[in-house]
PDB file of N, CA and C in Angstrom:
ATOM      1  N   MET A   1      -8.108   9.482  10.034  1.00  0.00           N
ATOM      2  CA  MET A   1      -7.115   9.549   9.207  1.00  0.00           C
ATOM      3  C   MET A   1      -5.620   9.831   9.413  1.00  0.00           C
ATOM      4  N   GLU A   2      -5.051   9.049   9.465  1.00  0.00           N
ATOM      5  CA  GLU A   2      -3.294   9.328   9.649  1.00  0.00           C
ATOM      6  C   GLU A   2      -2.487   9.149   8.373  1.00  0.00           C
ATOM      7  N   ASP A   3      -1.832  10.162   7.901  1.00  0.00           N
ATOM      8  CA  ASP A   3      -1.113  10.216   6.807  1.00  0.00           C
ATOM      9  C   ASP A   3       0.441   9.338   7.457  1.00  0.00           C
ATOM     10  N   LEU A   4       0.976   8.501   6.859  1.00  0.00           N
ATOM     11  CA  LEU A   4       2.048   7.548   7.022  1.00  0.00           C
ATOM     12  C   LEU A   4       3.137   7.777   6.568  1.00  0.00           C
ATOM     13  N   PHE A   5       3.423   7.623   5.020  1.00  0.00           N
ATOM     14  CA  PHE A   5       4.503   7.769   4.450  1.00  0.00           C
ATOM     15  C   PHE A   5       4.077   7.455   2.968  1.00  0.00           C
ATOM     16  N   SER A   6       5.251   7.719   2.163  1.00  0.00           N
ATOM     17  CA  SER A   6       5.002   7.752   0.683  1.00  0.00           C
ATOM     18  C   SER A   6       5.906   6.650   0.248  1.00  0.00           C
ATOM     19  N   THR A   7       5.516   6.136  -0.707  1.00  0.00           N
ATOM     20  CA  THR A   7       6.312   4.845  -1.361  1.00  0.00           C
ATOM     21  C   THR A   7       6.124   4.804  -3.072  1.00  0.00           C
ATOM     22  N   ASN A   8       7.360   4.029  -3.430  1.00  0.00           N
ATOM     23  CA  ASN A   8       7.182   3.817  -4.692  1.00  0.00           C
ATOM     24  C   ASN A   8       7.065   2.156  -5.202  1.00  0.00           C
ATOM     25  N   LEU A   9       5.742   2.044  -6.079  1.00  0.00           N
ATOM     26  CA  LEU A   9       5.622   0.939  -6.573  1.00  0.00           C
ATOM     27  C   LEU A   9       5.658   0.785  -8.098  1.00  0.00           C
ATOM     28  N   ALA A  10       6.186  -0.260  -8.434  1.00  0.00           N
ATOM     29  CA  ALA A  10       6.402  -0.386  -9.919  1.00  0.00           C
ATOM     30  C   ALA A  10       4.790  -1.162 -10.377  1.00  0.00           C
ATOM     31  N   VAL A  11       4.223  -0.235 -11.148  1.00  0.00           N
ATOM     32  CA  VAL A  11       2.744  -0.678 -11.904  1.00  0.00           C
ATOM     33  C   VAL A  11       2.719  -0.642 -13.236  1.00  0.00           C
ATOM     34  N   ASN A  12       2.696  -1.847 -13.915  1.00  0.00           N
ATOM     35  CA  ASN A  12       2.666  -1.666 -15.268  1.00  0.00           C
ATOM     36  C   ASN A  12       3.792  -1.210 -15.793  1.00  0.00           C
ATOM     37  N   ASN A  13       4.876  -1.322 -15.361  1.00  0.00           N
ATOM     38  CA  ASN A  13       6.395  -0.879 -16.082  1.00  0.00           C
ATOM     39  C   ASN A  13       6.395   0.496 -15.762  1.00  0.00           C
ATOM     40  N   GLN A  14       5.731   0.849 -14.619  1.00  0.00           N
ATOM     41  CA  GLN A  14       5.930   2.582 -14.375  1.00  0.00           C
ATOM     42  C   GLN A  14       5.939   2.409 -12.620  1.00  0.00           C
ATOM     43  N   ASN A  15       6.646   3.697 -12.574  1.00  0.00           N
ATOM     44  CA  ASN A  15       6.945   3.669 -11.347  1.00  0.00           C
ATOM     45  C   ASN A  15       6.140   5.000 -10.738  1.00  0.00           C
ATOM     46  N   ILE A  16       5.118   4.435  -9.939  1.00  0.00           N
ATOM     47  CA  ILE A  16       3.902   5.468  -9.398  1.00  0.00           C
ATOM     48  C   ILE A  16       4.406   5.508  -8.068  1.00  0.00           C
ATOM     49  N   ILE A  17       4.005   6.864  -7.374  1.00  0.00           N
ATOM     50  CA  ILE A  17       4.225   6.851  -5.874  1.00  0.00           C
ATOM     51  C   ILE A  17       2.724   6.987  -5.500  1.00  0.00           C
ATOM     52  N   TYR A  18       2.848   6.268  -4.086  1.00  0.00           N
ATOM     53  CA  TYR A  18       1.773   6.387  -3.464  1.00  0.00           C
ATOM     54  C   TYR A  18       1.553   6.768  -2.133  1.00  0.00           C
ATOM     55  N   ARG A  19       0.722   7.512  -1.659  1.00  0.00           N
ATOM     56  CA  ARG A  19       0.626   7.788  -0.309  1.00  0.00           C
ATOM     57  C   ARG A  19      -0.016   6.659   0.670  1.00  0.00           C
ATOM     58  N   VAL A  20       0.514   6.587   1.859  1.00  0.00           N
ATOM     59  CA  VAL A  20       0.104   5.242   2.641  1.00  0.00           C
ATOM     60  C   VAL A  20      -0.868   6.190   3.849  1.00  0.00           C
ATOM     61  N   ILE A  21      -2.084   5.944   4.241  1.00  0.00           N
ATOM     62  CA  ILE A  21      -2.708   6.496   5.226  1.00  0.00           C
ATOM     63  C   ILE A  21      -3.218   5.434   6.004  1.00  0.00           C
ATOM     64  N   PHE A  22      -3.514   5.512   7.412  1.00  0.00           N
ATOM     65  CA  PHE A  22      -4.194   4.515   8.118  1.00  0.00           C
ATOM     66  C   PHE A  22      -5.743   5.263   8.225  1.00  0.00           C
ATOM     67  N   ASP A  23      -6.714   4.336   8.060  1.00  0.00           N
ATOM     68  CA  ASP A  23      -7.899   4.841   8.137  1.00  0.00           C
ATOM     69  C   ASP A  23      -8.887   3.598   8.362  1.00  0.00           C
ATOM     70  N   ASN A  24      -9.697   3.842   9.455  1.00  0.00           N
ATOM     71  CA  ASN A  24     -10.574   2.802   9.843  1.00  0.00           C
ATOM     72  C   ASN A  24      -9.864   1.643   9.902  1.00  0.00           C
ATOM     73  N   ASP A  25      -8.737   1.273  10.390  1.00  0.00           N
ATOM     74  CA  ASP A  25      -8.133   0.127  10.662  1.00  0.00           C
ATOM     75  C   ASP A  25      -7.465  -0.668   9.504  1.00  0.00           C
ATOM     76  N   LYS A  26      -7.439   0.285   8.451  1.00  0.00           N
ATOM     77  CA  LYS A  26      -7.048  -0.248   7.008  1.00  0.00           C
ATOM     78  C   LYS A  26      -5.553   0.730   6.784  1.00  0.00           C
ATOM     79  N   TYR A  27      -4.880   0.328   6.252  1.00  0.00           N
ATOM     80  CA  TYR A  27      -3.782   0.880   5.434  1.00  0.00           C
ATOM     81  C   TYR A  27      -4.237   0.887   3.985  1.00  0.00           C
ATOM     82  N   VAL A  28      -4.479   2.019   3.503  1.00  0.00           N
ATOM     83  CA  VAL A  28      -4.706   2.758   2.134  1.00  0.00           C
ATOM     84  C   VAL A  28      -3.786   3.139   1.509  1.00  0.00           C
ATOM     85  N   PHE A  29      -3.400   2.800   0.536  1.00  0.00           N
ATOM     86  CA  PHE A  29      -2.279   3.145  -0.609  1.00  0.00           C
ATOM     87  C   PHE A  29      -3.222   3.917  -1.602  1.00  0.00           C
ATOM     88  N   LEU A  30      -3.130   5.480  -1.666  1.00  0.00           N
ATOM     89  CA  LEU A  30      -3.769   6.416  -2.589  1.00  0.00           C
ATOM     90  C   LEU A  30      -2.326   6.603  -3.779  1.00  0.00           C
ATOM     91  N   SER A  31      -2.817   6.553  -5.141  1.00  0.00           N
ATOM     92  CA  SER A  31      -2.032   6.763  -6.036  1.00  0.00           C
ATOM     93  C   SER A  31      -1.935   8.305  -6.126  1.00  0.00           C
ATOM     94  N   GLU A  32      -0.640   9.096  -6.314  1.00  0.00           N
ATOM     95  CA  GLU A  32      -0.613  10.297  -6.595  1.00  0.00           C
ATOM     96  C   GLU A  32      -0.358  10.645  -8.282  1.00  0.00           C
ATOM     97  N   SER A  33      -0.743   9.622  -9.048  1.00  0.00           N
ATOM     98  CA  SER A  33      -0.542   9.737 -10.613  1.00  0.00           C
ATOM     99  C   SER A  33      -2.444   9.257 -10.862  1.00  0.00           C
ATOM    100  N   SER A  34      -2.428   9.973 -11.713  1.00  0.00           N
ATOM    101  CA  SER A  34      -3.886   9.889 -12.669  1.00  0.00           C
ATOM    102  C   SER A  34      -3.800   9.064 -13.753  1.00  0.00           C
ATOM    103  N   GLN A  35      -2.448   8.284 -14.137  1.00  0.00           N
ATOM    104  CA  GLN A  35      -2.249   7.528 -14.996  1.00  0.00           C
ATOM    105  C   GLN A  35      -2.297   6.081 -14.721  1.00  0.00           C
ATOM    106  N   THR A  36      -2.768   5.712 -13.279  1.00  0.00           N
ATOM    107  CA  THR A  36      -2.554   4.281 -13.196  1.00  0.00           C
ATOM    108  C   THR A  36      -4.000   3.618 -13.090  1.00  0.00           C
ATOM    109  N   GLN A  37      -4.115   2.418 -13.180  1.00  0.00           N
ATOM    110  CA  GLN A  37      -5.074   1.503 -13.502  1.00  0.00           C
ATOM    111  C   GLN A  37      -5.849   1.369 -11.773  1.00  0.00           C
ATOM    112  N   LEU A  38      -4.682   1.310 -10.880  1.00  0.00           N
ATOM    113  CA  LEU A  38      -4.874   1.117  -9.624  1.00  0.00           C
ATOM    114  C   LEU A  38      -4.905   2.254  -8.665  1.00  0.00           C
ATOM    115  N   PRO A  39      -6.053   3.169  -8.726  1.00  0.00           N
ATOM    116  CA  PRO A  39      -5.843   4.636  -7.956  1.00  0.00           C
ATOM    117  C   PRO A  39      -5.964   4.537  -6.432  1.00  0.00           C
ATOM    118  N   SER A  40      -6.389   3.170  -5.887  1.00  0.00           N
ATOM    119  CA  SER A  40      -6.330   2.741  -4.280  1.00  0.00           C
ATOM    120  C   SER A  40      -6.198   1.725  -4.330  1.00  0.00           C
ATOM    121  N   PHE A  41      -6.009   1.485  -2.999  1.00  0.00           N
ATOM    122  CA  PHE A  41      -6.343  -0.304  -2.411  1.00  0.00           C
ATOM    123  C   PHE A  41      -5.775  -0.123  -0.967  1.00  0.00           C
ATOM    124  N   SER A  42      -6.225  -1.360  -0.313  1.00  0.00           N
ATOM    125  CA  SER A  42      -5.952  -1.457   1.036  1.00  0.00           C
ATOM    126  C   SER A  42      -5.433  -2.797   1.553  1.00  0.00           C
ATOM    127  N   PHE A  43      -5.211  -2.775   2.782  1.00  0.00           N
ATOM    128  CA  PHE A  43      -4.851  -3.905   3.500  1.00  0.00           C
ATOM    129  C   PHE A  43      -5.395  -3.684   4.973  1.00  0.00           C
ATOM    130  N   ARG A  44      -5.674  -4.941   5.598  1.00  0.00           N
ATOM    131  CA  ARG A  44      -5.738  -4.912   7.104  1.00  0.00           C
ATOM    132  C   ARG A  44      -4.730  -5.945   7.628  1.00  0.00           C
ATOM    133  N   ARG A  45      -4.428  -5.641   8.926  1.00  0.00           N
ATOM    134  CA  ARG A  45      -3.388  -6.431   9.477  1.00  0.00           C
ATOM    135  C   ARG A  45      -4.324  -7.524  10.641  1.00  0.00           C
ATOM    136  N   GLU A  46      -4.328  -8.416  10.612  1.00  0.00           N
ATOM    137  CA  GLU A  46      -5.021  -9.199  11.544  1.00  0.00           C
ATOM    138  C   GLU A  46      -4.052 -10.557  11.834  1.00  0.00           C
ATOM    139  N   HIS A  47      -3.854 -10.766  13.009  1.00  0.00           N
ATOM    140  CA  HIS A  47      -3.309 -11.962  13.426  1.00  0.00           C
ATOM    141  C   HIS A  47      -1.942 -12.364  12.753  1.00  0.00           C
ATOM    142  N   ASP A  48      -1.330 -10.946  12.861  1.00  0.00           N
ATOM    143  CA  ASP A  48       0.325 -10.890  11.960  1.00  0.00           C
ATOM    144  C   ASP A  48       0.356 -11.160  10.613  1.00  0.00           C
ATOM    145  N   GLU A  49      -0.901 -11.303   9.949  1.00  0.00           N
ATOM    146  CA  GLU A  49      -0.977 -11.323   8.435  1.00  0.00           C
ATOM    147  C   GLU A  49      -1.965 -10.198   7.380  1.00  0.00           C
ATOM    148  N   TRP A  50      -1.397  -9.722   6.328  1.00  0.00           N
ATOM    149  CA  TRP A  50      -2.071  -8.808   5.910  1.00  0.00           C
ATOM    150  C   TRP A  50      -3.058  -9.471   4.801  1.00  0.00           C
ATOM    151  N   HIS A  51      -4.071  -8.726   4.752  1.00  0.00           N
ATOM    152  CA  HIS A  51      -5.229  -8.975   3.942  1.00  0.00           C
ATOM    153  C   HIS A  51      -5.465  -7.833   3.342  1.00  0.00           C
ATOM    154  N   ASP A  52      -5.410  -8.284   1.717  1.00  0.00           N
ATOM    155  CA  ASP A  52      -5.759  -7.315   0.924  1.00  0.00           C
ATOM    156  C   ASP A  52      -7.260  -7.133   0.951  1.00  0.00           C
ATOM    157  N   GLN A  53      -7.940  -6.032   0.452  1.00  0.00           N
ATOM    158  CA  GLN A  53      -9.282  -5.651   0.400  1.00  0.00           C
ATOM    159  C   GLN A  53      -9.628  -5.909  -1.096  1.00  0.00           C
ATOM    160  N   GLU A  54      -8.854  -5.843  -1.867  1.00  0.00           N
ATOM    161  CA  GLU A  54      -8.968  -5.831  -3.461  1.00  0.00           C
ATOM    162  C   GLU A  54      -8.311  -7.404  -4.077  1.00  0.00           C
ATOM    163  N   LEU A  55      -8.547  -7.571  -5.069  1.00  0.00           N
ATOM    164  CA  LEU A  55      -7.758  -8.484  -5.656  1.00  0.00           C
ATOM    165  C   LEU A  55      -6.584  -7.827  -6.447  1.00  0.00           C
ATOM    166  N   LEU A  56      -5.339  -7.902  -5.867  1.00  0.00           N
ATOM    167  CA  LEU A  56      -4.205  -7.272  -6.389  1.00  0.00           C
ATOM    168  C   LEU A  56      -3.211  -8.148  -7.253  1.00  0.00           C
ATOM    169  N   PRO A  57      -2.511  -7.582  -8.359  1.00  0.00           N
ATOM    170  CA  PRO A  57      -1.737  -8.553  -9.154  1.00  0.00           C
ATOM    171  C   PRO A  57      -0.597  -9.121  -8.028  1.00  0.00           C
ATOM    172  N   PRO A  58      -0.279 -10.230  -7.911  1.00  0.00           N
ATOM    173  CA  PRO A  58       0.708 -10.977  -7.037  1.00  0.00           C
ATOM    174  C   PRO A  58       2.229  -9.588  -6.613  1.00  0.00           C
ATOM    175  N   GLU A  59       2.451  -9.046  -7.694  1.00  0.00           N
ATOM    176  CA  GLU A  59       3.757  -8.333  -7.664  1.00  0.00           C
ATOM    177  C   GLU A  59       3.741  -6.950  -7.294  1.00  0.00           C
ATOM    178  N   ILE A  60       2.383  -6.420  -7.337  1.00  0.00           N
ATOM    179  CA  ILE A  60       1.968  -5.039  -6.703  1.00  0.00           C
ATOM    180  C   ILE A  60       2.018  -5.560  -5.036  1.00  0.00           C
ATOM    181  N   LYS A  61       1.037  -6.635  -4.820  1.00  0.00           N
ATOM    182  CA  LYS A  61       0.745  -6.912  -3.497  1.00  0.00           C
ATOM    183  C   LYS A  61       1.982  -7.031  -2.667  1.00  0.00           C
ATOM    184  N   LYS A  62       3.226  -7.898  -3.329  1.00  0.00           N
ATOM    185  CA  LYS A  62       4.250  -7.951  -2.665  1.00  0.00           C
ATOM    186  C   LYS A  62       5.087  -6.577  -2.431  1.00  0.00           C
ATOM    187  N   GLN A  63       5.062  -5.812  -3.267  1.00  0.00           N
ATOM    188  CA  GLN A  63       5.801  -4.321  -2.904  1.00  0.00           C
ATOM    189  C   GLN A  63       5.058  -3.667  -1.749  1.00  0.00           C
ATOM    190  N   ALA A  64       3.736  -3.795  -2.016  1.00  0.00           N
ATOM    191  CA  ALA A  64       2.786  -2.843  -0.879  1.00  0.00           C
ATOM    192  C   ALA A  64       3.012  -3.545   0.416  1.00  0.00           C
ATOM    193  N   ILE A  65       2.958  -4.917   0.515  1.00  0.00           N
ATOM    194  CA  ILE A  65       3.153  -5.443   1.862  1.00  0.00           C
ATOM    195  C   ILE A  65       4.732  -5.197   2.426  1.00  0.00           C
ATOM    196  N   ASP A  66       5.781  -5.473   1.482  1.00  0.00           N
ATOM    197  CA  ASP A  66       7.223  -4.995   1.873  1.00  0.00           C
ATOM    198  C   ASP A  66       7.218  -3.716   2.308  1.00  0.00           C
ATOM    199  N   ALA A  67       6.556  -2.537   1.724  1.00  0.00           N
ATOM    200  CA  ALA A  67       6.597  -1.431   1.954  1.00  0.00           C
ATOM    201  C   ALA A  67       5.872  -1.278   3.675  1.00  0.00           C
ATOM    202  N   LEU A  68       4.728  -1.872   4.012  1.00  0.00           N
ATOM    203  CA  LEU A  68       4.015  -1.827   5.115  1.00  0.00           C
ATOM    204  C   LEU A  68       5.121  -2.434   6.130  1.00  0.00           C
ATOM    205  N   ASP A  69       5.686  -3.360   6.089  1.00  0.00           N
ATOM    206  CA  ASP A  69       6.451  -4.209   6.811  1.00  0.00           C
ATOM    207  C   ASP A  69       7.627  -3.395   7.296  1.00  0.00           C
ATOM    208  N   LYS A  70       8.152  -2.702   6.160  1.00  0.00           N
ATOM    209  CA  LYS A  70       9.299  -2.000   6.423  1.00  0.00           C
ATOM    210  C   LYS A  70       8.919  -0.818   7.130  1.00  0.00           C
ATOM    211  N   TYR A  71       7.996  -0.044   7.074  1.00  0.00           N
ATOM    212  CA  TYR A  71       7.374   1.186   7.678  1.00  0.00           C
ATOM    213  C   TYR A  71       7.072   0.665   9.047  1.00  0.00           C
ATOM    214  N   LEU A  72       6.635  -0.367   9.531  1.00  0.00           N
ATOM    215  CA  LEU A  72       6.121  -0.834  10.595  1.00  0.00           C
ATOM    216  C   LEU A  72       7.551  -1.357  11.767  1.00  0.00           C
ATOM    217  N   LEU A  73       8.421  -1.610  10.991  1.00  0.00           N
ATOM    218  CA  LEU A  73       9.509  -2.283  11.566  1.00  0.00           C
ATOM    219  C   LEU A  73      10.282  -0.684  12.224  1.00  0.00           C
ATOM    220  N   LYS A  74      10.328   0.049  11.126  1.00  0.00           N
ATOM    221  CA  LYS A  74      10.953   1.208  11.984  1.00  0.00           C
ATOM    222  C   LYS A  74      10.089   2.080  12.794  1.00  0.00           C
ATOM    223  N   GLN A  75       9.222   1.855  13.376  1.00  0.00           N
ATOM    224  CA  GLN A  75       8.290   2.147  14.241  1.00  0.00           C
ATOM    225  C   GLN A  75       8.689   1.719  15.777  1.00  0.00           C
ATOM    226  N   HIS A  76       9.092   0.425  15.435  1.00  0.00           N
ATOM    227  CA  HIS A  76       9.491  -0.237  16.868  1.00  0.00           C
ATOM    228  C   HIS A  76      10.849   0.293  17.290  1.00  0.00           C
TER     229      HIS A  76
END
């Protein structure tokens, strides 16, 4: 398990802070707030495409993928 970064996502009109970790080939978003309905969710990267492990609302999925892409771009 590797701690990568923190990001803010808009969830149900609230700004929620998520810690992103890399664990078992998945990028896992862990909520730092107990008030969110999405305590955690994850993505896998396969063939340059993101695959979510849960059924996420499109607006949350887009924000999370944007944060992952931005993080990975900074690593190169």
